[in-house]
Amino acid sequence: MRSGNGSEHTKQNELQALFLSHLSAERGCSPLTVKSYSEDLAAFITYLEERGDLQRFPQSLDRLDIRGFLADQTAKGTGKRSL
């Protein structure tokens, strides 16, 4: 289920960019680390979109959302060390 709301996607993109910029500029993470975080965040956003929960990102998410995502990734074959 996709929300179809362009402004919602713009907001998500802005939040992603701010977070990744924070990792790089303020936390001093390497480009490969930032790339990994970017890929993980994109997978999480896709997971939320598929569930119809993207509008809740990030303000209204809880631990069950995170646990559901981790379970989904595990079911898709992602190793525990990658999560």
Protein backbone atom coordinates (compact mmCIF):
# COMPACT_ATOMS: atom_id res chain seq x y z
CA MET A 1 0.00 0.00 0.00
CA ARG A 2 1.50 3.28 -1.04
CA SER A 3 0.27 6.52 0.34
CA GLY A 4 0.52 8.42 -2.94
CA ASN A 5 1.21 11.66 -1.09
CA GLY A 6 4.11 13.50 -2.73
CA SER A 7 4.57 15.92 0.16
CA GLU A 8 4.86 12.95 2.52
CA HIS A 9 7.70 11.53 0.42
CA THR A 10 9.40 14.93 0.33
CA LYS A 11 9.25 15.06 4.12
CA GLN A 12 10.72 11.56 4.36
CA ASN A 13 13.50 12.47 1.93
CA GLU A 14 14.33 15.60 3.93
CA LEU A 15 14.47 13.64 7.18
CA GLN A 16 16.69 11.01 5.58
CA ALA A 17 19.04 13.65 4.20
CA LEU A 18 19.29 15.39 7.59
CA PHE A 19 20.06 12.13 9.37
CA LEU A 20 22.69 11.06 6.85
CA SER A 21 24.27 14.51 6.94
CA HIS A 22 24.39 14.28 10.74
CA LEU A 23 26.17 10.93 10.51
CA SER A 24 28.74 12.27 8.11
CA ALA A 25 29.38 15.81 9.34
CA GLU A 26 28.71 15.63 13.07
CA ARG A 27 29.47 12.04 13.93
CA GLY A 28 32.35 11.64 11.49
CA CYS A 29 31.10 8.36 10.02
CA SER A 30 32.89 7.02 6.97
CA PRO A 31 31.23 7.19 3.56
CA LEU A 32 30.69 3.40 3.63
CA THR A 33 28.97 3.63 7.01
CA VAL A 34 26.72 6.42 5.76
CA LYS A 35 25.93 4.33 2.65
CA SER A 36 24.98 1.36 4.83
CA TYR A 37 22.74 3.49 7.00
CA SER A 38 21.16 4.97 3.88
CA GLU A 39 20.38 1.51 2.50
CA ASP A 40 18.97 0.33 5.83
CA LEU A 41 16.81 3.41 6.16
CA ALA A 42 15.53 3.00 2.60
CA ALA A 43 14.61 -0.63 3.37
CA PHE A 44 12.80 0.47 6.54
CA ILE A 45 10.85 3.15 4.66
CA THR A 46 9.90 0.62 1.98
CA TYR A 47 8.72 -1.74 4.73
CA LEU A 48 6.56 1.02 6.21
CA GLU A 49 5.16 1.90 2.77
CA GLU A 50 4.21 -1.71 2.11
CA ARG A 51 2.35 -1.84 5.41
CA GLY A 52 0.65 1.52 4.85
CA ASP A 53 2.42 3.01 7.86
CA LEU A 54 4.70 5.58 6.23
CA GLN A 55 2.61 8.49 7.52
CA ARG A 56 3.66 7.48 11.05
CA PHE A 57 7.39 7.94 10.28
CA PRO A 58 9.16 8.97 12.41
CA GLN A 59 7.02 10.55 15.13
CA SER A 60 4.58 7.74 15.86
CA LEU A 61 6.71 4.63 15.41
CA ASP A 62 7.34 2.34 18.34
CA ARG A 63 9.46 -0.66 19.19
CA LEU A 64 6.96 -3.05 17.61
CA ASP A 65 7.47 -1.34 14.26
CA ILE A 66 11.22 -1.79 14.58
CA ARG A 67 10.85 -5.40 15.69
CA GLY A 68 8.52 -6.09 12.77
CA PHE A 69 11.04 -4.64 10.35
CA LEU A 70 13.86 -6.70 11.84
CA ALA A 71 11.73 -9.86 11.60
CA ASP A 72 10.89 -9.01 7.98
CA GLN A 73 14.56 -8.53 7.13
CA THR A 74 15.48 -11.80 8.85
CA ALA A 75 12.78 -13.61 6.86
CA LYS A 76 14.30 -12.15 3.68
CA GLY A 77 17.66 -13.65 4.60
CA THR A 78 19.46 -10.67 6.10
CA GLY A 79 22.03 -11.93 8.58
CA LYS A 80 21.83 -10.92 12.23
CA ARG A 81 25.19 -9.17 12.02
CA SER A 82 23.76 -6.91 9.31
CA LEU A 83 20.80 -5.81 11.39
